[in-house]
N, C-alpha and C. Protein backbone atom coordinates (compact mmCIF):
# COMPACT_ATOMS: atom_id res chain seq x y z
N MET A 1 54.38 -20.05 -1.39
CA MET A 1 53.62 -19.45 -2.46
C MET A 1 53.96 -17.98 -2.51
N THR A 2 53.88 -17.47 -3.68
CA THR A 2 54.29 -16.09 -3.87
C THR A 2 53.09 -15.17 -3.84
N THR A 3 53.41 -13.89 -3.73
CA THR A 3 52.36 -12.87 -3.72
C THR A 3 51.61 -12.86 -5.04
N ARG A 4 52.31 -13.21 -6.13
CA ARG A 4 51.64 -13.21 -7.43
C ARG A 4 50.50 -14.21 -7.47
N PHE A 5 50.56 -15.25 -6.69
CA PHE A 5 49.50 -16.24 -6.66
C PHE A 5 48.33 -15.76 -5.80
N TRP A 6 48.59 -15.24 -4.62
CA TRP A 6 47.55 -14.85 -3.67
C TRP A 6 46.83 -13.57 -4.05
N LEU A 7 47.52 -12.62 -4.62
CA LEU A 7 46.91 -11.32 -4.94
C LEU A 7 45.73 -11.45 -5.89
N PRO A 8 45.84 -12.15 -7.01
CA PRO A 8 44.66 -12.32 -7.88
C PRO A 8 43.54 -13.10 -7.21
N LEU A 9 43.90 -14.09 -6.39
CA LEU A 9 42.89 -14.89 -5.70
C LEU A 9 42.09 -14.02 -4.72
N VAL A 10 42.78 -13.19 -3.95
CA VAL A 10 42.11 -12.28 -3.01
C VAL A 10 41.25 -11.27 -3.78
N GLY A 11 41.76 -10.79 -4.89
CA GLY A 11 40.99 -9.84 -5.72
C GLY A 11 39.70 -10.47 -6.22
N CYS A 12 39.75 -11.71 -6.67
CA CYS A 12 38.53 -12.40 -7.13
C CYS A 12 37.54 -12.60 -5.98
N LEU A 13 38.05 -12.93 -4.80
CA LEU A 13 37.19 -13.12 -3.64
C LEU A 13 36.48 -11.82 -3.28
N ILE A 14 37.19 -10.71 -3.26
CA ILE A 14 36.59 -9.42 -2.94
C ILE A 14 35.55 -9.04 -4.00
N ALA A 15 35.87 -9.26 -5.26
CA ALA A 15 34.92 -8.95 -6.34
C ALA A 15 33.65 -9.78 -6.22
N SER A 16 33.79 -11.06 -5.88
CA SER A 16 32.60 -11.91 -5.76
C SER A 16 31.74 -11.50 -4.58
N LEU A 17 32.35 -11.04 -3.49
CA LEU A 17 31.58 -10.58 -2.34
C LEU A 17 30.82 -9.30 -2.66
N SER A 18 31.41 -8.41 -3.43
CA SER A 18 30.72 -7.16 -3.76
C SER A 18 29.56 -7.42 -4.71
N ILE A 19 29.67 -8.42 -5.56
CA ILE A 19 28.56 -8.75 -6.46
C ILE A 19 27.40 -9.35 -5.67
N ALA A 20 27.71 -10.14 -4.64
CA ALA A 20 26.67 -10.82 -3.88
C ALA A 20 26.09 -9.94 -2.77
N ALA A 21 26.62 -8.74 -2.58
CA ALA A 21 26.13 -7.87 -1.51
C ALA A 21 24.67 -7.52 -1.74
N PRO A 22 23.88 -7.42 -0.66
CA PRO A 22 22.46 -7.11 -0.83
C PRO A 22 22.27 -5.72 -1.43
N VAL A 23 21.26 -5.62 -2.27
CA VAL A 23 20.93 -4.35 -2.91
C VAL A 23 19.97 -3.61 -2.00
N PRO A 24 20.20 -2.32 -1.75
CA PRO A 24 19.27 -1.59 -0.88
C PRO A 24 17.87 -1.58 -1.48
N LYS A 25 16.85 -1.54 -0.60
CA LYS A 25 15.47 -1.53 -1.08
C LYS A 25 15.21 -0.27 -1.91
N ASN A 26 14.55 -0.46 -3.04
CA ASN A 26 14.16 0.70 -3.83
C ASN A 26 12.75 1.12 -3.45
N LYS A 27 12.22 2.10 -4.13
CA LYS A 27 10.90 2.63 -3.80
C LYS A 27 9.85 1.52 -3.82
N LYS A 28 9.92 0.61 -4.75
CA LYS A 28 8.93 -0.46 -4.85
C LYS A 28 9.04 -1.43 -3.68
N GLY A 29 10.23 -1.58 -3.08
CA GLY A 29 10.43 -2.52 -2.00
C GLY A 29 10.20 -1.95 -0.62
N ASN A 30 10.01 -0.65 -0.50
CA ASN A 30 9.82 -0.01 0.79
C ASN A 30 8.38 0.49 0.87
N PRO A 31 7.52 -0.16 1.64
CA PRO A 31 6.10 0.22 1.68
C PRO A 31 5.86 1.67 2.07
N GLU A 32 6.69 2.21 2.99
CA GLU A 32 6.51 3.60 3.41
C GLU A 32 6.65 4.57 2.23
N GLU A 33 7.56 4.26 1.31
CA GLU A 33 7.75 5.10 0.13
C GLU A 33 6.81 4.69 -1.00
N ALA A 34 6.63 3.39 -1.16
CA ALA A 34 5.83 2.90 -2.29
C ALA A 34 4.37 3.32 -2.20
N ILE A 35 3.85 3.52 -0.99
CA ILE A 35 2.45 3.86 -0.84
C ILE A 35 2.16 5.33 -1.20
N GLN A 36 3.21 6.15 -1.23
CA GLN A 36 3.03 7.57 -1.55
C GLN A 36 2.60 7.73 -3.02
N GLY A 37 1.75 8.72 -3.27
CA GLY A 37 1.32 9.01 -4.63
C GLY A 37 -0.19 8.99 -4.74
N THR A 38 -0.68 8.98 -5.97
CA THR A 38 -2.12 8.99 -6.23
C THR A 38 -2.55 7.62 -6.72
N TRP A 39 -3.64 7.15 -6.13
CA TRP A 39 -4.18 5.82 -6.40
C TRP A 39 -5.64 5.95 -6.80
N GLU A 40 -6.07 5.14 -7.75
CA GLU A 40 -7.47 5.13 -8.19
C GLU A 40 -8.13 3.82 -7.78
N VAL A 41 -9.32 3.93 -7.21
CA VAL A 41 -10.07 2.73 -6.83
C VAL A 41 -10.55 2.05 -8.11
N VAL A 42 -10.13 0.80 -8.31
CA VAL A 42 -10.54 0.04 -9.49
C VAL A 42 -11.48 -1.10 -9.14
N ASP A 43 -11.56 -1.42 -7.85
CA ASP A 43 -12.48 -2.47 -7.42
C ASP A 43 -12.85 -2.19 -5.97
N PHE A 44 -14.09 -2.51 -5.65
CA PHE A 44 -14.60 -2.33 -4.30
C PHE A 44 -15.48 -3.52 -4.00
N ASP A 45 -15.27 -4.13 -2.85
CA ASP A 45 -16.07 -5.31 -2.50
C ASP A 45 -16.44 -5.22 -1.03
N PHE A 46 -17.70 -5.48 -0.73
CA PHE A 46 -18.11 -5.52 0.67
C PHE A 46 -18.64 -6.90 1.03
N GLY A 47 -18.45 -7.86 0.11
CA GLY A 47 -18.92 -9.22 0.36
C GLY A 47 -20.42 -9.24 0.49
N ASN A 48 -20.96 -10.30 1.00
CA ASN A 48 -22.39 -10.42 1.29
C ASN A 48 -23.30 -10.05 0.12
N ARG A 49 -22.83 -10.21 -1.11
CA ARG A 49 -23.68 -9.93 -2.27
C ARG A 49 -24.53 -11.15 -2.58
N VAL A 50 -25.71 -10.90 -3.10
CA VAL A 50 -26.58 -11.99 -3.55
C VAL A 50 -25.98 -12.56 -4.83
N ALA A 51 -25.93 -13.87 -4.93
CA ALA A 51 -25.36 -14.51 -6.12
C ALA A 51 -26.04 -13.98 -7.38
N GLY A 52 -25.24 -13.62 -8.36
CA GLY A 52 -25.76 -13.12 -9.63
C GLY A 52 -26.05 -11.63 -9.64
N ALA A 53 -26.03 -10.98 -8.50
CA ALA A 53 -26.29 -9.54 -8.43
C ALA A 53 -25.11 -8.77 -9.00
N ALA A 54 -25.39 -7.62 -9.60
CA ALA A 54 -24.33 -6.78 -10.16
C ALA A 54 -23.42 -6.30 -9.04
N LYS A 55 -22.15 -6.23 -9.36
CA LYS A 55 -21.18 -5.74 -8.37
C LYS A 55 -21.42 -4.25 -8.15
N PRO A 56 -21.40 -3.78 -6.91
CA PRO A 56 -21.66 -2.36 -6.66
C PRO A 56 -20.57 -1.48 -7.24
N ARG A 57 -20.98 -0.35 -7.81
CA ARG A 57 -20.00 0.60 -8.35
C ARG A 57 -19.28 1.29 -7.20
N GLY A 58 -20.01 1.61 -6.15
CA GLY A 58 -19.40 2.21 -4.96
C GLY A 58 -18.45 3.34 -5.31
N PRO A 59 -17.26 3.28 -4.76
CA PRO A 59 -16.31 4.37 -4.96
C PRO A 59 -15.37 4.17 -6.16
N ILE A 60 -15.75 3.33 -7.12
CA ILE A 60 -14.89 3.09 -8.28
C ILE A 60 -14.56 4.43 -8.94
N GLY A 61 -13.29 4.65 -9.23
CA GLY A 61 -12.83 5.88 -9.85
C GLY A 61 -12.34 6.92 -8.85
N LEU A 62 -12.67 6.74 -7.58
CA LEU A 62 -12.24 7.68 -6.55
C LEU A 62 -10.71 7.68 -6.48
N HIS A 63 -10.13 8.86 -6.32
CA HIS A 63 -8.68 8.98 -6.19
C HIS A 63 -8.31 9.24 -4.74
N TRP A 64 -7.33 8.49 -4.27
CA TRP A 64 -6.73 8.73 -2.97
C TRP A 64 -5.31 9.20 -3.24
N THR A 65 -4.94 10.35 -2.67
CA THR A 65 -3.58 10.84 -2.80
C THR A 65 -2.94 10.82 -1.41
N LEU A 66 -1.85 10.10 -1.31
CA LEU A 66 -1.11 9.99 -0.06
C LEU A 66 0.20 10.75 -0.22
N ASP A 67 0.36 11.76 0.63
CA ASP A 67 1.52 12.64 0.54
C ASP A 67 2.04 12.89 1.95
N GLY A 68 3.17 12.27 2.28
CA GLY A 68 3.68 12.35 3.65
C GLY A 68 2.73 11.58 4.55
N ASP A 69 2.08 12.29 5.49
CA ASP A 69 1.06 11.66 6.33
C ASP A 69 -0.33 12.19 6.03
N LYS A 70 -0.48 12.85 4.89
CA LYS A 70 -1.76 13.45 4.48
C LYS A 70 -2.43 12.56 3.44
N LEU A 71 -3.75 12.43 3.58
CA LEU A 71 -4.56 11.64 2.65
C LEU A 71 -5.69 12.52 2.16
N SER A 72 -5.84 12.62 0.85
CA SER A 72 -6.99 13.33 0.29
C SER A 72 -7.73 12.37 -0.63
N MET A 73 -9.06 12.45 -0.57
CA MET A 73 -9.92 11.57 -1.36
C MET A 73 -10.88 12.43 -2.16
N LYS A 74 -10.89 12.24 -3.48
CA LYS A 74 -11.85 12.98 -4.30
C LYS A 74 -12.00 12.32 -5.66
N GLN A 75 -13.11 12.63 -6.28
CA GLN A 75 -13.33 12.17 -7.64
C GLN A 75 -12.35 12.90 -8.55
N PRO A 76 -11.80 12.26 -9.57
CA PRO A 76 -10.74 12.87 -10.36
C PRO A 76 -11.14 14.15 -11.09
N ASN A 77 -12.40 14.33 -11.46
CA ASN A 77 -12.81 15.52 -12.19
C ASN A 77 -13.47 16.57 -11.31
N ALA A 78 -13.50 16.34 -10.01
CA ALA A 78 -14.14 17.28 -9.10
C ALA A 78 -13.29 18.54 -8.97
N VAL A 79 -13.95 19.68 -9.03
CA VAL A 79 -13.26 20.96 -8.90
C VAL A 79 -12.95 21.23 -7.43
N ALA A 80 -13.89 20.91 -6.57
CA ALA A 80 -13.71 21.14 -5.14
C ALA A 80 -14.29 19.96 -4.38
N GLY A 81 -14.16 20.02 -3.08
CA GLY A 81 -14.74 18.97 -2.26
C GLY A 81 -13.78 17.86 -1.99
N GLY A 82 -14.33 16.75 -1.62
CA GLY A 82 -13.51 15.61 -1.24
C GLY A 82 -13.26 15.63 0.26
N ASN A 83 -12.60 14.63 0.73
CA ASN A 83 -12.28 14.50 2.14
C ASN A 83 -10.78 14.55 2.34
N THR A 84 -10.39 15.02 3.50
CA THR A 84 -8.98 15.01 3.86
C THR A 84 -8.82 14.28 5.19
N ALA A 85 -7.67 13.70 5.36
CA ALA A 85 -7.39 12.93 6.57
C ALA A 85 -5.89 12.89 6.79
N THR A 86 -5.51 12.39 7.95
CA THR A 86 -4.12 12.04 8.19
C THR A 86 -4.08 10.52 8.28
N PHE A 87 -2.93 9.95 7.92
CA PHE A 87 -2.82 8.50 7.98
C PHE A 87 -1.46 8.10 8.51
N LYS A 88 -1.40 6.85 8.94
CA LYS A 88 -0.12 6.26 9.32
C LYS A 88 -0.18 4.77 9.00
N ILE A 89 1.00 4.21 8.77
CA ILE A 89 1.09 2.78 8.49
C ILE A 89 2.08 2.14 9.46
N ASP A 90 1.90 0.86 9.67
CA ASP A 90 2.82 0.09 10.50
C ASP A 90 3.20 -1.15 9.70
N THR A 91 4.42 -1.14 9.18
CA THR A 91 4.88 -2.24 8.34
C THR A 91 5.52 -3.36 9.15
N THR A 92 5.60 -3.19 10.47
CA THR A 92 6.19 -4.24 11.30
C THR A 92 5.17 -5.32 11.64
N GLN A 93 3.89 -5.04 11.40
CA GLN A 93 2.83 -6.01 11.69
C GLN A 93 2.54 -6.86 10.47
N THR A 94 1.99 -8.04 10.69
CA THR A 94 1.56 -8.91 9.60
C THR A 94 0.11 -9.26 9.83
N PRO A 95 -0.80 -8.86 8.93
CA PRO A 95 -0.55 -8.02 7.76
C PRO A 95 -0.24 -6.58 8.17
N MET A 96 0.33 -5.83 7.21
CA MET A 96 0.70 -4.44 7.49
C MET A 96 -0.56 -3.64 7.82
N GLN A 97 -0.41 -2.65 8.69
CA GLN A 97 -1.56 -1.89 9.17
C GLN A 97 -1.58 -0.48 8.58
N PHE A 98 -2.80 -0.03 8.28
CA PHE A 98 -3.06 1.29 7.73
C PHE A 98 -4.17 1.89 8.59
N GLU A 99 -4.02 3.14 8.94
CA GLU A 99 -5.00 3.78 9.82
C GLU A 99 -5.16 5.23 9.38
N TRP A 100 -6.41 5.71 9.31
CA TRP A 100 -6.60 7.12 8.96
C TRP A 100 -7.68 7.76 9.82
N ASN A 101 -7.50 9.07 10.02
CA ASN A 101 -8.45 9.89 10.76
C ASN A 101 -8.89 11.02 9.85
N TYR A 102 -10.21 11.10 9.61
CA TYR A 102 -10.71 12.26 8.87
C TYR A 102 -10.47 13.49 9.73
N ASN A 103 -10.13 14.59 9.10
CA ASN A 103 -9.84 15.81 9.85
C ASN A 103 -11.00 16.17 10.76
N GLY A 104 -10.68 16.41 12.01
CA GLY A 104 -11.69 16.77 12.99
C GLY A 104 -12.34 15.59 13.68
N ASN A 105 -12.04 14.37 13.25
CA ASN A 105 -12.65 13.19 13.86
C ASN A 105 -11.59 12.45 14.66
N PRO A 106 -11.79 12.30 15.97
CA PRO A 106 -10.77 11.63 16.79
C PRO A 106 -10.73 10.11 16.62
N THR A 107 -11.75 9.52 16.01
CA THR A 107 -11.81 8.07 15.86
C THR A 107 -11.10 7.64 14.58
N ALA A 108 -10.12 6.78 14.72
CA ALA A 108 -9.37 6.28 13.56
C ALA A 108 -10.10 5.13 12.90
N ILE A 109 -9.95 5.04 11.60
CA ILE A 109 -10.42 3.88 10.85
C ILE A 109 -9.21 2.96 10.73
N ARG A 110 -9.34 1.77 11.28
CA ARG A 110 -8.22 0.83 11.33
C ARG A 110 -8.36 -0.20 10.22
N ALA A 111 -7.30 -0.33 9.45
CA ALA A 111 -7.32 -1.20 8.28
C ALA A 111 -6.03 -2.00 8.20
N ILE A 112 -6.00 -2.89 7.22
CA ILE A 112 -4.77 -3.58 6.86
C ILE A 112 -4.56 -3.32 5.38
N PHE A 113 -3.31 -3.51 4.92
CA PHE A 113 -3.05 -3.26 3.51
C PHE A 113 -1.96 -4.17 2.98
N GLU A 114 -1.94 -4.20 1.66
CA GLU A 114 -0.93 -4.96 0.93
C GLU A 114 -0.59 -4.13 -0.29
N ILE A 115 0.68 -4.01 -0.60
CA ILE A 115 1.09 -3.28 -1.79
C ILE A 115 2.01 -4.18 -2.60
N ASP A 116 1.71 -4.25 -3.90
CA ASP A 116 2.50 -5.07 -4.80
C ASP A 116 2.67 -4.28 -6.09
N GLY A 117 3.81 -3.62 -6.21
CA GLY A 117 4.05 -2.80 -7.39
C GLY A 117 3.06 -1.66 -7.47
N ASP A 118 2.26 -1.63 -8.52
CA ASP A 118 1.29 -0.56 -8.73
C ASP A 118 -0.12 -0.95 -8.30
N THR A 119 -0.23 -1.97 -7.46
CA THR A 119 -1.53 -2.39 -6.92
C THR A 119 -1.49 -2.26 -5.40
N LEU A 120 -2.52 -1.61 -4.86
CA LEU A 120 -2.66 -1.41 -3.42
C LEU A 120 -4.02 -1.96 -3.01
N LYS A 121 -4.05 -2.76 -1.96
CA LYS A 121 -5.31 -3.26 -1.42
C LYS A 121 -5.42 -2.81 0.03
N ILE A 122 -6.59 -2.25 0.36
CA ILE A 122 -6.86 -1.82 1.73
C ILE A 122 -8.17 -2.46 2.17
N CYS A 123 -8.15 -3.07 3.33
CA CYS A 123 -9.31 -3.75 3.86
C CYS A 123 -9.61 -3.18 5.24
N TYR A 124 -10.88 -2.77 5.47
CA TYR A 124 -11.24 -2.21 6.77
C TYR A 124 -12.64 -2.62 7.17
N SER A 125 -12.92 -2.41 8.44
CA SER A 125 -14.22 -2.74 9.01
C SER A 125 -14.63 -1.59 9.91
N GLY A 126 -15.91 -1.43 10.11
CA GLY A 126 -16.40 -0.39 10.99
C GLY A 126 -16.15 -0.69 12.46
N GLN A 127 -15.98 -1.96 12.80
CA GLN A 127 -15.84 -2.31 14.21
C GLN A 127 -14.38 -2.50 14.65
N ARG A 128 -13.63 -3.32 13.96
CA ARG A 128 -12.28 -3.65 14.40
C ARG A 128 -11.38 -3.83 13.18
N ARG A 129 -10.10 -3.84 13.42
CA ARG A 129 -9.15 -4.02 12.32
C ARG A 129 -9.26 -5.46 11.81
N PRO A 130 -9.43 -5.65 10.49
CA PRO A 130 -9.47 -7.01 9.95
C PRO A 130 -8.12 -7.71 10.15
N THR A 131 -8.14 -9.02 10.06
CA THR A 131 -6.91 -9.80 10.20
C THR A 131 -6.46 -10.41 8.88
N GLU A 132 -7.34 -10.33 7.86
CA GLU A 132 -6.98 -10.82 6.53
C GLU A 132 -7.65 -9.97 5.47
N LEU A 133 -7.08 -9.97 4.28
CA LEU A 133 -7.60 -9.17 3.17
C LEU A 133 -8.75 -9.89 2.48
N VAL A 134 -9.90 -9.89 3.15
CA VAL A 134 -11.09 -10.55 2.63
C VAL A 134 -12.30 -9.68 2.96
N ALA A 135 -13.15 -9.45 1.98
CA ALA A 135 -14.38 -8.68 2.20
C ALA A 135 -15.48 -9.60 2.72
N GLY A 136 -16.41 -9.00 3.45
CA GLY A 136 -17.57 -9.74 3.96
C GLY A 136 -17.72 -9.57 5.45
N ASN A 137 -18.94 -9.82 5.93
CA ASN A 137 -19.24 -9.70 7.35
C ASN A 137 -18.84 -8.34 7.92
N GLY A 138 -19.19 -7.28 7.20
CA GLY A 138 -18.90 -5.92 7.66
C GLY A 138 -17.50 -5.43 7.33
N THR A 139 -16.76 -6.19 6.54
CA THR A 139 -15.41 -5.79 6.12
C THR A 139 -15.43 -5.41 4.65
N TYR A 140 -14.77 -4.30 4.33
CA TYR A 140 -14.74 -3.75 2.98
C TYR A 140 -13.33 -3.84 2.41
N MET A 141 -13.26 -4.10 1.10
CA MET A 141 -11.96 -4.22 0.43
C MET A 141 -11.92 -3.25 -0.75
N TYR A 142 -10.92 -2.38 -0.73
CA TYR A 142 -10.64 -1.49 -1.86
C TYR A 142 -9.42 -2.03 -2.59
N THR A 143 -9.47 -2.03 -3.91
CA THR A 143 -8.29 -2.34 -4.73
C THR A 143 -8.00 -1.09 -5.55
N PHE A 144 -6.77 -0.63 -5.48
CA PHE A 144 -6.33 0.59 -6.17
C PHE A 144 -5.26 0.26 -7.20
N LYS A 145 -5.18 1.08 -8.23
CA LYS A 145 -4.05 1.07 -9.16
C LYS A 145 -3.41 2.44 -9.09
N ARG A 146 -2.09 2.46 -9.17
CA ARG A 146 -1.36 3.73 -9.13
C ARG A 146 -1.71 4.55 -10.37
N VAL A 147 -1.94 5.84 -10.16
CA VAL A 147 -2.23 6.76 -11.25
C VAL A 147 -0.88 7.27 -11.77
N ALA A 148 -0.66 7.13 -13.08
CA ALA A 148 0.59 7.60 -13.68
C ALA A 148 0.67 9.13 -13.56
N LYS A 149 1.89 9.60 -13.33
CA LYS A 149 2.09 11.06 -13.21
C LYS A 149 2.01 11.74 -14.53
């Protein structure tokens, strides 16, 4: 067989491999990057509600801004105030773990989280880290939507 036969065949093989190569994760696919930004609480659930009772407003509308390892929480129209904290996440665990410490407080709040596009869910308890994203029995669930820039 001649080179004229093999050269196009090898070229097609190389081209097909480059098309099938994995695409690097973008911001939406990397939780460490995707979680950064400002998020608004759109739903809050603590479970244990009496059937038919109105859902608590709680922190609906509260903004959480995550920047690097800094977390700030405040109402969107507030001129001053709010809380600040540091946070860290562990994406190697299932479910992924989220933990924050309010400034000056040595005790961390241990949570789990899930991020899907522009929706972030954080579930925490006062006693221990939850194992599933479900509210009730002392476990609280926040649902956030990303705030457009």
